[in-house]
Amino acid sequence: MFCPNCKSLLFPKDGKLVCKKCGAAQDFKGQKAQVIKHKAHEKDIPVLGDISGTLPTDDVECSKCGHNKAYWVLRQTRAADEPETRIFRCVKCSHSWREY
């Protein structure tokens, strides 16, 4: 949640959400924090879940169907001092592959 006055992040304190910058307070209203869990194995994490057509595309050939367009995203799959992994998904057949 963000402060309606100064747009800073609100923090829970004594059952309320309080802005550390301007001091504004709101009732917590029973809102639950969103918990994000990551699994240890890379294949268990959906990387390109629902593609809505807003992802960038590139001219790269799909090894499965031979189509020449694929969506792509960059993900940090290894240590921070190593380059990110480029993950492709074919526009036509939805086949996914990686480029390290």
C-alpha atoms as a PDB file:
ATOM      1  CA  MET A   1       0.000   0.000   0.000  1.00  0.00           C
ATOM      2  CA  PHE A   2       1.075   3.550  -0.678  1.00  0.00           C
ATOM      3  CA  CYS A   3       0.418   6.791   1.171  1.00  0.00           C
ATOM      4  CA  PRO A   4      -2.411   8.800  -0.428  1.00  0.00           C
ATOM      5  CA  ASN A   5      -0.611  12.067   0.470  1.00  0.00           C
ATOM      6  CA  CYS A   6       3.045  11.593  -0.502  1.00  0.00           C
ATOM      7  CA  LYS A   7       2.918   8.233  -2.358  1.00  0.00           C
ATOM      8  CA  SER A   8       5.534   6.644  -0.054  1.00  0.00           C
ATOM      9  CA  LEU A   9       5.304   3.051   1.098  1.00  0.00           C
ATOM     10  CA  LEU A  10       3.074   2.408   4.149  1.00  0.00           C
ATOM     11  CA  PHE A  11       4.293   0.137   6.951  1.00  0.00           C
ATOM     12  CA  PRO A  12       2.194  -1.785   9.507  1.00  0.00           C
ATOM     13  CA  LYS A  13       2.322  -0.410  13.053  1.00  0.00           C
ATOM     14  CA  ASP A  14      -0.118  -1.104  15.903  1.00  0.00           C
ATOM     15  CA  GLY A  15      -2.820  -2.453  13.576  1.00  0.00           C
ATOM     16  CA  LYS A  16      -2.584   0.479  11.139  1.00  0.00           C
ATOM     17  CA  LEU A  17      -0.621   1.310   8.023  1.00  0.00           C
ATOM     18  CA  VAL A  18       1.676   4.285   8.735  1.00  0.00           C
ATOM     19  CA  CYS A  19       3.729   6.446   6.368  1.00  0.00           C
ATOM     20  CA  LYS A  20       7.278   6.974   7.659  1.00  0.00           C
ATOM     21  CA  LYS A  21       7.713  10.088   5.526  1.00  0.00           C
ATOM     22  CA  CYS A  22       4.641  12.222   6.355  1.00  0.00           C
ATOM     23  CA  GLY A  23       3.103  10.289   9.279  1.00  0.00           C
ATOM     24  CA  ALA A  24      -0.288   9.629   7.651  1.00  0.00           C
ATOM     25  CA  ALA A  25      -2.092   6.533   8.978  1.00  0.00           C
ATOM     26  CA  GLN A  26      -4.807   4.247   7.592  1.00  0.00           C
ATOM     27  CA  ASP A  27      -6.734   1.364   9.080  1.00  0.00           C
ATOM     28  CA  PHE A  28      -5.315  -1.987   8.076  1.00  0.00           C
ATOM     29  CA  LYS A  29      -8.782  -3.285   7.059  1.00  0.00           C
ATOM     30  CA  GLY A  30      -7.669  -6.895   7.332  1.00  0.00           C
ATOM     31  CA  GLN A  31      -5.563  -6.805   4.178  1.00  0.00           C
ATOM     32  CA  LYS A  32      -3.218  -9.730   3.838  1.00  0.00           C
ATOM     33  CA  ALA A  33       0.335  -9.428   2.628  1.00  0.00           C
ATOM     34  CA  GLN A  34       1.047 -11.091  -0.680  1.00  0.00           C
ATOM     35  CA  VAL A  35       3.490 -13.955  -0.258  1.00  0.00           C
ATOM     36  CA  ILE A  36       5.657 -14.923  -3.204  1.00  0.00           C
ATOM     37  CA  LYS A  37       7.349 -18.300  -3.023  1.00  0.00           C
ATOM     38  CA  HIS A  38      10.139 -19.397  -5.309  1.00  0.00           C
ATOM     39  CA  LYS A  39      10.956 -23.024  -5.891  1.00  0.00           C
ATOM     40  CA  ALA A  40      14.536 -24.205  -5.959  1.00  0.00           C
ATOM     41  CA  HIS A  41      14.399 -25.815  -9.391  1.00  0.00           C
ATOM     42  CA  GLU A  42      14.232 -23.497 -12.406  1.00  0.00           C
ATOM     43  CA  LYS A  43      11.721 -25.643 -14.325  1.00  0.00           C
ATOM     44  CA  ASP A  44       9.145 -25.271 -11.535  1.00  0.00           C
ATOM     45  CA  ILE A  45       8.938 -21.487 -12.012  1.00  0.00           C
ATOM     46  CA  PRO A  46       6.637 -20.376 -14.835  1.00  0.00           C
ATOM     47  CA  VAL A  47       8.768 -18.005 -16.860  1.00  0.00           C
ATOM     48  CA  LEU A  48       6.456 -17.192 -19.753  1.00  0.00           C
ATOM     49  CA  GLY A  49       3.038 -17.921 -18.302  1.00  0.00           C
ATOM     50  CA  ASP A  50       0.214 -16.183 -20.118  1.00  0.00           C
ATOM     51  CA  ILE A  51       1.452 -14.351 -23.204  1.00  0.00           C
ATOM     52  CA  SER A  52      -0.881 -11.498 -23.995  1.00  0.00           C
ATOM     53  CA  GLY A  53       0.959 -10.183 -27.026  1.00  0.00           C
ATOM     54  CA  THR A  54       2.716  -7.422 -25.115  1.00  0.00           C
ATOM     55  CA  LEU A  55       6.092  -9.144 -24.918  1.00  0.00           C
ATOM     56  CA  PRO A  56       8.839  -8.186 -27.367  1.00  0.00           C
ATOM     57  CA  THR A  57       9.395 -10.411 -30.385  1.00  0.00           C
ATOM     58  CA  ASP A  58      12.526 -11.286 -32.305  1.00  0.00           C
ATOM     59  CA  ASP A  59      13.316 -12.902 -35.639  1.00  0.00           C
ATOM     60  CA  VAL A  60      14.642 -16.263 -34.481  1.00  0.00           C
ATOM     61  CA  GLU A  61      13.844 -19.708 -35.897  1.00  0.00           C
ATOM     62  CA  CYS A  62      11.902 -22.214 -33.801  1.00  0.00           C
ATOM     63  CA  SER A  63      13.622 -25.611 -33.772  1.00  0.00           C
ATOM     64  CA  LYS A  64      10.271 -27.413 -33.501  1.00  0.00           C
ATOM     65  CA  CYS A  65       8.097 -25.860 -36.247  1.00  0.00           C
ATOM     66  CA  GLY A  66      10.533 -23.607 -38.167  1.00  0.00           C
ATOM     67  CA  HIS A  67       8.508 -20.397 -37.615  1.00  0.00           C
ATOM     68  CA  ASN A  68      10.646 -17.239 -37.630  1.00  0.00           C
ATOM     69  CA  LYS A  69       9.063 -15.175 -34.795  1.00  0.00           C
ATOM     70  CA  ALA A  70       9.343 -15.728 -31.046  1.00  0.00           C
ATOM     71  CA  TYR A  71       8.503 -13.822 -27.866  1.00  0.00           C
ATOM     72  CA  TRP A  72      11.416 -13.337 -25.450  1.00  0.00           C
ATOM     73  CA  VAL A  73      12.158 -12.296 -21.859  1.00  0.00           C
ATOM     74  CA  LEU A  74      15.355 -11.929 -19.835  1.00  0.00           C
ATOM     75  CA  ARG A  75      15.654 -13.770 -16.500  1.00  0.00           C
ATOM     76  CA  GLN A  76      18.517 -13.930 -14.009  1.00  0.00           C
ATOM     77  CA  THR A  77      18.664 -17.718 -13.630  1.00  0.00           C
ATOM     78  CA  ARG A  78      22.208 -17.988 -12.286  1.00  0.00           C
ATOM     79  CA  ALA A  79      24.420 -15.953  -9.959  1.00  0.00           C
ATOM     80  CA  ALA A  80      24.262 -12.160 -10.115  1.00  0.00           C
ATOM     81  CA  ASP A  81      27.773 -11.873 -11.537  1.00  0.00           C
ATOM     82  CA  GLU A  82      26.825 -14.007 -14.567  1.00  0.00           C
ATOM     83  CA  PRO A  83      24.806 -12.817 -17.575  1.00  0.00           C
ATOM     84  CA  GLU A  84      21.051 -13.277 -17.689  1.00  0.00           C
ATOM     85  CA  THR A  85      19.299 -15.994 -19.692  1.00  0.00           C
ATOM     86  CA  ARG A  86      17.167 -15.071 -22.703  1.00  0.00           C
ATOM     87  CA  ILE A  87      14.056 -17.260 -22.872  1.00  0.00           C
ATOM     88  CA  PHE A  88      12.142 -17.585 -26.140  1.00  0.00           C
ATOM     89  CA  ARG A  89       8.644 -18.886 -26.933  1.00  0.00           C
ATOM     90  CA  CYS A  90       7.513 -19.481 -30.493  1.00  0.00           C
ATOM     91  CA  VAL A  91       4.589 -17.314 -31.593  1.00  0.00           C
ATOM     92  CA  LYS A  92       3.086 -20.151 -33.658  1.00  0.00           C
ATOM     93  CA  CYS A  93       3.522 -23.387 -31.630  1.00  0.00           C
ATOM     94  CA  SER A  94       4.454 -22.037 -28.124  1.00  0.00           C
ATOM     95  CA  HIS A  95       7.641 -24.112 -27.968  1.00  0.00           C
ATOM     96  CA  SER A  96      10.067 -22.623 -25.392  1.00  0.00           C
ATOM     97  CA  TRP A  97      13.871 -22.625 -25.368  1.00  0.00           C
ATOM     98  CA  ARG A  98      16.749 -20.735 -23.760  1.00  0.00           C
ATOM     99  CA  GLU A  99      19.790 -18.841 -24.944  1.00  0.00           C
ATOM    100  CA  TYR A 100      22.541 -18.442 -22.359  1.00  0.00           C
END
